[in-house]
C-alpha atoms as a PDB file:
ATOM      1  CA  UNK A   1     141.275  83.358  88.893  1.00  0.00           C
ATOM      2  CA  UNK A   2     142.282  86.892  89.660  1.00  0.00           C
ATOM      3  CA  UNK A   3     140.387  89.810  88.832  1.00  0.00           C
ATOM      4  CA  UNK A   4     142.312  92.591  87.474  1.00  0.00           C
ATOM      5  CA  UNK A   5     141.715  96.530  87.906  1.00  0.00           C
ATOM      6  CA  UNK A   6     138.838  95.999  90.318  1.00  0.00           C
ATOM      7  CA  UNK A   7     138.709  99.469  91.489  1.00  0.00           C
ATOM      8  CA  UNK A   8     136.089 101.388  94.140  1.00  0.00           C
ATOM      9  CA  UNK A   9     136.062 104.951  95.319  1.00  0.00           C
ATOM     10  CA  UNK A  10     137.373 105.751  98.818  1.00  0.00           C
ATOM     11  CA  UNK A  11     134.109 106.047 100.438  1.00  0.00           C
ATOM     12  CA  UNK A  12     133.091 102.618  98.971  1.00  0.00           C
ATOM     13  CA  UNK A  13     136.229 101.004 100.229  1.00  0.00           C
ATOM     14  CA  UNK A  14     135.562 102.257 103.734  1.00  0.00           C
ATOM     15  CA  UNK A  15     132.093 101.034 103.622  1.00  0.00           C
ATOM     16  CA  UNK A  16     133.144  97.740 102.511  1.00  0.00           C
ATOM     17  CA  UNK A  17     135.732  97.541 105.471  1.00  0.00           C
ATOM     18  CA  UNK A  18     133.177  98.551 107.998  1.00  0.00           C
ATOM     19  CA  UNK A  19     130.652  95.733 106.783  1.00  0.00           C
ATOM     20  CA  UNK A  20     133.459  92.986 106.746  1.00  0.00           C
ATOM     21  CA  UNK A  21     134.407  94.130 110.419  1.00  0.00           C
ATOM     22  CA  UNK A  22     130.926  94.310 111.432  1.00  0.00           C
ATOM     23  CA  UNK A  23     130.002  91.320 110.189  1.00  0.00           C
ATOM     24  CA  UNK A  24     133.124  89.266 111.141  1.00  0.00           C
ATOM     25  CA  UNK A  25     134.658  88.392 107.670  1.00  0.00           C
ATOM     26  CA  UNK A  26     138.081  87.146 107.847  1.00  0.00           C
ATOM     27  CA  UNK A  27     139.082  89.712 105.011  1.00  0.00           C
ATOM     28  CA  UNK A  28     137.613  91.983 102.252  1.00  0.00           C
ATOM     29  CA  UNK A  29     138.286  89.515  99.734  1.00  0.00           C
ATOM     30  CA  UNK A  30     135.754  87.051 101.841  1.00  0.00           C
ATOM     31  CA  UNK A  31     133.322  89.458 101.863  1.00  0.00           C
ATOM     32  CA  UNK A  32     133.360  90.290  98.213  1.00  0.00           C
ATOM     33  CA  UNK A  33     133.483  86.786  96.976  1.00  0.00           C
ATOM     34  CA  UNK A  34     130.502  86.073  99.341  1.00  0.00           C
ATOM     35  CA  UNK A  35     128.769  89.020  97.668  1.00  0.00           C
ATOM     36  CA  UNK A  36     129.436  87.773  94.043  1.00  0.00           C
ATOM     37  CA  UNK A  37     128.134  84.266  94.804  1.00  0.00           C
ATOM     38  CA  UNK A  38     125.019  85.537  96.194  1.00  0.00           C
ATOM     39  CA  UNK A  39     124.292  87.762  93.343  1.00  0.00           C
ATOM     40  CA  UNK A  40     125.169  84.862  90.947  1.00  0.00           C
ATOM     41  CA  UNK A  41     122.981  82.240  92.686  1.00  0.00           C
ATOM     42  CA  UNK A  42     119.967  84.663  92.622  1.00  0.00           C
ATOM     43  CA  UNK A  43     120.374  85.454  89.325  1.00  0.00           C
ATOM     44  CA  UNK A  44     120.597  81.681  88.650  1.00  0.00           C
ATOM     45  CA  UNK A  45     117.284  81.545  90.707  1.00  0.00           C
ATOM     46  CA  UNK A  46     115.713  83.989  88.411  1.00  0.00           C
ATOM     47  CA  UNK A  47     116.536  82.571  85.216  1.00  0.00           C
ATOM     48  CA  UNK A  48     115.550  78.871  86.184  1.00  0.00           C
ATOM     49  CA  UNK A  49     112.256  80.179  87.216  1.00  0.00           C
ATOM     50  CA  UNK A  50     111.922  82.340  83.845  1.00  0.00           C
ATOM     51  CA  UNK A  51     112.875  79.298  81.703  1.00  0.00           C
ATOM     52  CA  UNK A  52     110.220  77.087  83.422  1.00  0.00           C
ATOM     53  CA  UNK A  53     107.531  79.855  83.264  1.00  0.00           C
ATOM     54  CA  UNK A  54     107.904  82.243  80.297  1.00  0.00           C
ATOM     55  CA  UNK A  55     106.284  85.460  80.142  1.00  0.00           C
ATOM     56  CA  UNK A  56     102.826  85.534  79.003  1.00  0.00           C
ATOM     57  CA  UNK A  57     102.675  86.162  75.007  1.00  0.00           C
ATOM     58  CA  UNK A  58      99.058  86.650  74.051  1.00  0.00           C
ATOM     59  CA  UNK A  59     100.259  85.875  70.444  1.00  0.00           C
ATOM     60  CA  UNK A  60     100.728  82.377  71.638  1.00  0.00           C
ATOM     61  CA  UNK A  61      97.358  81.954  73.542  1.00  0.00           C
ATOM     62  CA  UNK A  62      94.749  80.180  71.418  1.00  0.00           C
ATOM     63  CA  UNK A  63      91.300  80.959  72.434  1.00  0.00           C
ATOM     64  CA  UNK A  64      88.663  78.305  71.396  1.00  0.00           C
ATOM     65  CA  UNK A  65      85.678  79.811  69.692  1.00  0.00           C
ATOM     66  CA  UNK A  66      83.250  77.638  71.860  1.00  0.00           C
ATOM     67  CA  UNK A  67      84.241  79.832  74.977  1.00  0.00           C
ATOM     68  CA  UNK A  68      81.660  82.525  75.297  1.00  0.00           C
ATOM     69  CA  UNK A  69      82.538  86.119  75.210  1.00  0.00           C
ATOM     70  CA  UNK A  70      82.855  87.869  78.429  1.00  0.00           C
ATOM     71  CA  UNK A  71      84.424  84.898  80.216  1.00  0.00           C
ATOM     72  CA  UNK A  72      87.481  85.486  82.040  1.00  0.00           C
ATOM     73  CA  UNK A  73      90.459  83.136  81.141  1.00  0.00           C
ATOM     74  CA  UNK A  74      93.201  82.189  83.229  1.00  0.00           C
ATOM     75  CA  UNK A  75      96.567  81.845  81.819  1.00  0.00           C
ATOM     76  CA  UNK A  76      99.400  79.805  83.059  1.00  0.00           C
ATOM     77  CA  UNK A  77     102.491  79.037  80.586  1.00  0.00           C
ATOM     78  CA  UNK A  78     100.599  80.675  77.688  1.00  0.00           C
ATOM     79  CA  UNK A  79      97.933  78.013  78.081  1.00  0.00           C
ATOM     80  CA  UNK A  80      94.362  78.405  79.061  1.00  0.00           C
ATOM     81  CA  UNK A  81      93.926  76.474  82.447  1.00  0.00           C
ATOM     82  CA  UNK A  82      90.812  77.934  83.920  1.00  0.00           C
ATOM     83  CA  UNK A  83      87.526  79.723  82.872  1.00  0.00           C
ATOM     84  CA  UNK A  84      84.946  81.529  85.220  1.00  0.00           C
ATOM     85  CA  UNK A  85      82.573  84.251  85.247  1.00  0.00           C
ATOM     86  CA  UNK A  86      84.608  86.616  87.414  1.00  0.00           C
ATOM     87  CA  UNK A  87      88.200  87.458  87.984  1.00  0.00           C
ATOM     88  CA  UNK A  88      88.177  85.967  91.701  1.00  0.00           C
ATOM     89  CA  UNK A  89      86.882  82.558  90.086  1.00  0.00           C
ATOM     90  CA  UNK A  90      89.635  82.288  88.003  1.00  0.00           C
ATOM     91  CA  UNK A  91      92.278  83.636  90.479  1.00  0.00           C
ATOM     92  CA  UNK A  92      91.308  80.900  93.013  1.00  0.00           C
ATOM     93  CA  UNK A  93      91.994  78.098  90.368  1.00  0.00           C
ATOM     94  CA  UNK A  94      95.333  79.737  89.127  1.00  0.00           C
ATOM     95  CA  UNK A  95      96.476  79.950  92.847  1.00  0.00           C
ATOM     96  CA  UNK A  96      95.345  76.355  93.770  1.00  0.00           C
ATOM     97  CA  UNK A  97      96.488  74.457  91.088  1.00  0.00           C
ATOM     98  CA  UNK A  98      99.399  76.536  89.638  1.00  0.00           C
ATOM     99  CA  UNK A  99     100.965  78.479  92.675  1.00  0.00           C
ATOM    100  CA  UNK A 100     104.091  78.693  91.412  1.00  0.00           C
ATOM    101  CA  UNK A 101     103.782  79.605  87.718  1.00  0.00           C
ATOM    102  CA  UNK A 102     103.629  82.662  85.744  1.00  0.00           C
ATOM    103  CA  UNK A 103      99.781  83.451  85.995  1.00  0.00           C
ATOM    104  CA  UNK A 104      97.611  86.232  84.170  1.00  0.00           C
ATOM    105  CA  UNK A 105      94.169  86.951  83.572  1.00  0.00           C
ATOM    106  CA  UNK A 106      92.343  87.926  80.155  1.00  0.00           C
ATOM    107  CA  UNK A 107      88.743  88.313  79.123  1.00  0.00           C
ATOM    108  CA  UNK A 108      87.232  86.960  75.782  1.00  0.00           C
ATOM    109  CA  UNK A 109      85.677  89.610  73.596  1.00  0.00           C
ATOM    110  CA  UNK A 110      85.473  92.236  76.095  1.00  0.00           C
ATOM    111  CA  UNK A 111      88.029  94.298  77.996  1.00  0.00           C
ATOM    112  CA  UNK A 112      88.493  93.731  81.671  1.00  0.00           C
ATOM    113  CA  UNK A 113      86.754  96.318  83.997  1.00  0.00           C
ATOM    114  CA  UNK A 114      89.538  98.705  84.946  1.00  0.00           C
ATOM    115  CA  UNK A 115      90.366  99.434  88.633  1.00  0.00           C
ATOM    116  CA  UNK A 116      92.877 100.855  91.038  1.00  0.00           C
ATOM    117  CA  UNK A 117      94.256  99.645  94.352  1.00  0.00           C
ATOM    118  CA  UNK A 118      95.168 101.626  97.124  1.00  0.00           C
ATOM    119  CA  UNK A 119      96.809  99.658 100.191  1.00  0.00           C
ATOM    120  CA  UNK A 120      98.535 101.011 102.147  1.00  0.00           C
ATOM    121  CA  UNK A 121     121.137  92.270 101.348  1.00  0.00           C
ATOM    122  CA  UNK A 122     119.523  89.421 100.060  1.00  0.00           C
ATOM    123  CA  UNK A 123     120.710  85.705  99.684  1.00  0.00           C
ATOM    124  CA  UNK A 124     119.427  83.008  97.364  1.00  0.00           C
ATOM    125  CA  UNK A 125     119.536  80.424 100.174  1.00  0.00           C
ATOM    126  CA  UNK A 126     115.666  79.027 100.932  1.00  0.00           C
ATOM    127  CA  UNK A 127     114.421  81.780  98.522  1.00  0.00           C
ATOM    128  CA  UNK A 128     111.335  81.170  96.844  1.00  0.00           C
ATOM    129  CA  UNK A 129     110.351  83.556  93.919  1.00  0.00           C
ATOM    130  CA  UNK A 130     106.840  84.093  92.570  1.00  0.00           C
ATOM    131  CA  UNK A 131     105.507  85.837  89.429  1.00  0.00           C
ATOM    132  CA  UNK A 132     103.443  88.954  89.888  1.00  0.00           C
ATOM    133  CA  UNK A 133      99.839  88.155  88.825  1.00  0.00           C
ATOM    134  CA  UNK A 134      98.925  90.103  85.897  1.00  0.00           C
ATOM    135  CA  UNK A 135      95.350  91.777  85.553  1.00  0.00           C
ATOM    136  CA  UNK A 136      94.792  94.049  82.666  1.00  0.00           C
ATOM    137  CA  UNK A 137      98.409  95.039  82.142  1.00  0.00           C
ATOM    138  CA  UNK A 138      98.667  95.808  86.143  1.00  0.00           C
ATOM    139  CA  UNK A 139     100.606  93.448  88.252  1.00  0.00           C
ATOM    140  CA  UNK A 140     100.071  92.367  91.787  1.00  0.00           C
ATOM    141  CA  UNK A 141     102.085  90.380  94.357  1.00  0.00           C
ATOM    142  CA  UNK A 142      99.766  87.970  95.459  1.00  0.00           C
ATOM    143  CA  UNK A 143     101.055  85.300  98.046  1.00  0.00           C
ATOM    144  CA  UNK A 144      99.425  82.115  99.180  1.00  0.00           C
ATOM    145  CA  UNK A 145      99.601  80.917 102.743  1.00  0.00           C
ATOM    146  CA  UNK A 146      97.484  79.357 105.326  1.00  0.00           C
ATOM    147  CA  UNK A 147      95.894  80.326 109.024  1.00  0.00           C
ATOM    148  CA  UNK A 148      95.450  77.828 111.728  1.00  0.00           C
ATOM    149  CA  UNK A 149      92.406  78.361 114.053  1.00  0.00           C
ATOM    150  CA  UNK A 150      89.913  76.203 115.664  1.00  0.00           C
ATOM    151  CA  UNK A 151      91.982  72.886 114.831  1.00  0.00           C
ATOM    152  CA  UNK A 152      91.642  73.528 111.408  1.00  0.00           C
ATOM    153  CA  UNK A 153      93.968  75.010 108.675  1.00  0.00           C
ATOM    154  CA  UNK A 154      92.690  77.084 105.504  1.00  0.00           C
ATOM    155  CA  UNK A 155      94.358  78.473 102.574  1.00  0.00           C
ATOM    156  CA  UNK A 156      94.307  82.292 102.112  1.00  0.00           C
ATOM    157  CA  UNK A 157      95.466  84.521  99.201  1.00  0.00           C
ATOM    158  CA  UNK A 158      97.088  87.727 100.559  1.00  0.00           C
ATOM    159  CA  UNK A 159      98.379  91.031  98.695  1.00  0.00           C
ATOM    160  CA  UNK A 160     101.712  91.878 100.028  1.00  0.00           C
ATOM    161  CA  UNK A 161     101.211  95.580 101.546  1.00  0.00           C
ATOM    162  CA  UNK A 162     104.397  97.165 102.437  1.00  0.00           C
ATOM    163  CA  UNK A 163     102.319 100.297 103.422  1.00  0.00           C
ATOM    164  CA  UNK A 164     100.487  98.770 106.275  1.00  0.00           C
ATOM    165  CA  UNK A 165     102.328  98.127 109.717  1.00  0.00           C
ATOM    166  CA  UNK A 166      99.563  95.552 110.256  1.00  0.00           C
ATOM    167  CA  UNK A 167      97.795  92.553 108.498  1.00  0.00           C
ATOM    168  CA  UNK A 168      94.389  92.892 107.816  1.00  0.00           C
ATOM    169  CA  UNK A 169      91.932  89.986 106.919  1.00  0.00           C
ATOM    170  CA  UNK A 170      88.754  90.340 105.399  1.00  0.00           C
ATOM    171  CA  UNK A 171      85.840  91.267 107.780  1.00  0.00           C
ATOM    172  CA  UNK A 172      83.578  88.491 106.288  1.00  0.00           C
ATOM    173  CA  UNK A 173      86.307  85.699 106.817  1.00  0.00           C
ATOM    174  CA  UNK A 174      86.473  86.882 110.540  1.00  0.00           C
ATOM    175  CA  UNK A 175      82.893  86.708 110.830  1.00  0.00           C
ATOM    176  CA  UNK A 176      82.541  83.249 109.076  1.00  0.00           C
ATOM    177  CA  UNK A 177      85.139  81.670 111.487  1.00  0.00           C
ATOM    178  CA  UNK A 178      83.711  83.466 114.558  1.00  0.00           C
ATOM    179  CA  UNK A 179      87.077  84.629 115.417  1.00  0.00           C
ATOM    180  CA  UNK A 180      87.351  86.393 118.791  1.00  0.00           C
ATOM    181  CA  UNK A 181      89.242  90.142 119.235  1.00  0.00           C
ATOM    182  CA  UNK A 182      92.055  89.968 122.114  1.00  0.00           C
ATOM    183  CA  UNK A 183      91.914  94.059 122.257  1.00  0.00           C
ATOM    184  CA  UNK A 184      91.404  97.207 120.692  1.00  0.00           C
ATOM    185  CA  UNK A 185      93.634  99.629 119.200  1.00  0.00           C
ATOM    186  CA  UNK A 186      93.851 102.986 117.308  1.00  0.00           C
ATOM    187  CA  UNK A 187      94.759 102.680 113.729  1.00  0.00           C
ATOM    188  CA  UNK A 188      95.767 105.287 111.277  1.00  0.00           C
ATOM    189  CA  UNK A 189      93.942 105.181 107.855  1.00  0.00           C
ATOM    190  CA  UNK A 190      93.330 107.215 104.806  1.00  0.00           C
ATOM    191  CA  UNK A 191      90.111 108.197 106.676  1.00  0.00           C
ATOM    192  CA  UNK A 192      91.861 109.114 109.721  1.00  0.00           C
ATOM    193  CA  UNK A 193      92.241 107.469 113.217  1.00  0.00           C
ATOM    194  CA  UNK A 194      89.895 104.651 113.968  1.00  0.00           C
ATOM    195  CA  UNK A 195      89.415 102.117 117.023  1.00  0.00           C
ATOM    196  CA  UNK A 196      89.837  98.821 115.465  1.00  0.00           C
ATOM    197  CA  UNK A 197      89.492  95.285 116.969  1.00  0.00           C
ATOM    198  CA  UNK A 198      92.890  93.255 116.881  1.00  0.00           C
ATOM    199  CA  UNK A 199      92.976  89.593 116.597  1.00  0.00           C
ATOM    200  CA  UNK A 200      95.633  86.834 116.776  1.00  0.00           C
ATOM    201  CA  UNK A 201      95.976  83.485 115.079  1.00  0.00           C
ATOM    202  CA  UNK A 202      98.851  81.187 113.697  1.00  0.00           C
ATOM    203  CA  UNK A 203      99.965  82.215 110.064  1.00  0.00           C
ATOM    204  CA  UNK A 204     101.835  79.389 108.090  1.00  0.00           C
ATOM    205  CA  UNK A 205     103.955  79.559 105.298  1.00  0.00           C
ATOM    206  CA  UNK A 206     106.393  76.981 103.694  1.00  0.00           C
ATOM    207  CA  UNK A 207     106.028  74.830 106.851  1.00  0.00           C
ATOM    208  CA  UNK A 208     106.935  77.703 109.103  1.00  0.00           C
ATOM    209  CA  UNK A 209     104.384  79.059 111.721  1.00  0.00           C
ATOM    210  CA  UNK A 210     104.288  82.624 113.010  1.00  0.00           C
ATOM    211  CA  UNK A 211     101.668  84.025 115.809  1.00  0.00           C
ATOM    212  CA  UNK A 212     100.506  87.282 114.542  1.00  0.00           C
ATOM    213  CA  UNK A 213      98.202  89.926 115.226  1.00  0.00           C
ATOM    214  CA  UNK A 214      95.557  91.428 112.491  1.00  0.00           C
ATOM    215  CA  UNK A 215      92.822  93.538 112.260  1.00  0.00           C
ATOM    216  CA  UNK A 216      89.730  93.472 109.819  1.00  0.00           C
ATOM    217  CA  UNK A 217      89.205  95.260 106.654  1.00  0.00           C
ATOM    218  CA  UNK A 218      86.440  95.029 104.056  1.00  0.00           C
ATOM    219  CA  UNK A 219      88.394  93.550 101.166  1.00  0.00           C
ATOM    220  CA  UNK A 220      86.086  93.017  98.115  1.00  0.00           C
ATOM    221  CA  UNK A 221      86.888  91.842  94.482  1.00  0.00           C
ATOM    222  CA  UNK A 222      89.168  89.377  93.017  1.00  0.00           C
ATOM    223  CA  UNK A 223      89.886  86.486  95.390  1.00  0.00           C
ATOM    224  CA  UNK A 224      91.606  88.075  98.012  1.00  0.00           C
ATOM    225  CA  UNK A 225      91.163  87.593 101.857  1.00  0.00           C
ATOM    226  CA  UNK A 226      94.155  89.353 103.262  1.00  0.00           C
ATOM    227  CA  UNK A 227      96.491  92.506 102.956  1.00  0.00           C
ATOM    228  CA  UNK A 228      99.844  91.297 104.302  1.00  0.00           C
ATOM    229  CA  UNK A 229     101.239  94.116 106.189  1.00  0.00           C
ATOM    230  CA  UNK A 230     104.617  94.603 108.009  1.00  0.00           C
ATOM    231  CA  UNK A 231     104.198  92.436 110.872  1.00  0.00           C
ATOM    232  CA  UNK A 232     103.947  89.504 108.501  1.00  0.00           C
ATOM    233  CA  UNK A 233     106.552  90.795 105.885  1.00  0.00           C
ATOM    234  CA  UNK A 234     109.141  91.413 108.446  1.00  0.00           C
ATOM    235  CA  UNK A 235     109.408  87.688 109.211  1.00  0.00           C
ATOM    236  CA  UNK A 236     111.020  87.354 105.835  1.00  0.00           C
ATOM    237  CA  UNK A 237     113.931  89.162 103.606  1.00  0.00           C
ATOM    238  CA  UNK A 238     111.642  90.203 100.691  1.00  0.00           C
ATOM    239  CA  UNK A 239     113.060  91.263  97.208  1.00  0.00           C
ATOM    240  CA  UNK A 240     111.016  92.838  94.383  1.00  0.00           C
ATOM    241  CA  UNK A 241     112.186  92.817  90.924  1.00  0.00           C
ATOM    242  CA  UNK A 242     110.286  95.553  89.056  1.00  0.00           C
ATOM    243  CA  UNK A 243     111.734  94.741  85.752  1.00  0.00           C
ATOM    244  CA  UNK A 244     110.956  90.900  86.255  1.00  0.00           C
ATOM    245  CA  UNK A 245     107.538  91.220  87.524  1.00  0.00           C
ATOM    246  CA  UNK A 246     108.715  89.042  90.466  1.00  0.00           C
ATOM    247  CA  UNK A 247     109.109  89.108  94.018  1.00  0.00           C
ATOM    248  CA  UNK A 248     110.850  86.611  96.199  1.00  0.00           C
ATOM    249  CA  UNK A 249     110.448  85.357  99.936  1.00  0.00           C
ATOM    250  CA  UNK A 250     113.296  84.240 102.197  1.00  0.00           C
ATOM    251  CA  UNK A 251     112.543  83.244 105.657  1.00  0.00           C
ATOM    252  CA  UNK A 252     114.673  84.492 108.368  1.00  0.00           C
END
């Protein structure tokens, strides 16, 4: 099929020609066909995800009367799948049992305490998308991965933090596992420059392993144990779809 009257301005035309030459395409047509295929494949990936994981609709959620007021409820596919006394308890169950599903947390009979957080070309091939977790109408890109140390592997939930150049693990987690620092480094933080200890371990995601450095931080609340900084993020192509409340990871 031929697409008729497909026009671009001269500036964009020159840019397309530059990319075609730089990337080694045989022709501009080949580049455009591949770009269209990538866009269509990615949209199909998103549509399939949304079909299997409809957005949370509170009107469709039946909360049993026997659940006491004040309990936190974990929601997946508009069904209550977990209850707990804290957000952290519920989140742990959600990400252990329903890691790929649309997830949300509500509270029966009481409002969730308000809180704020301050943390510092894409192909559909090998891409995995996740729903951002919804907590009190705020959305957070939580990612489950694992770490390998002392001949053991442990699953961890981290927050994707594009504002941090280095990954940080919860201080209590580091102390519990008796991890030893490899050096010290100056870190620029909201409170100024500090001297921080730097560690190194194997991070694992979707079967791929990465030896990465990280520092420690006091990460309290929720079920988070890590802030995934740029040295982790840069191992992937990452796409945030704000309107869809999705984020996607593609290993490089």
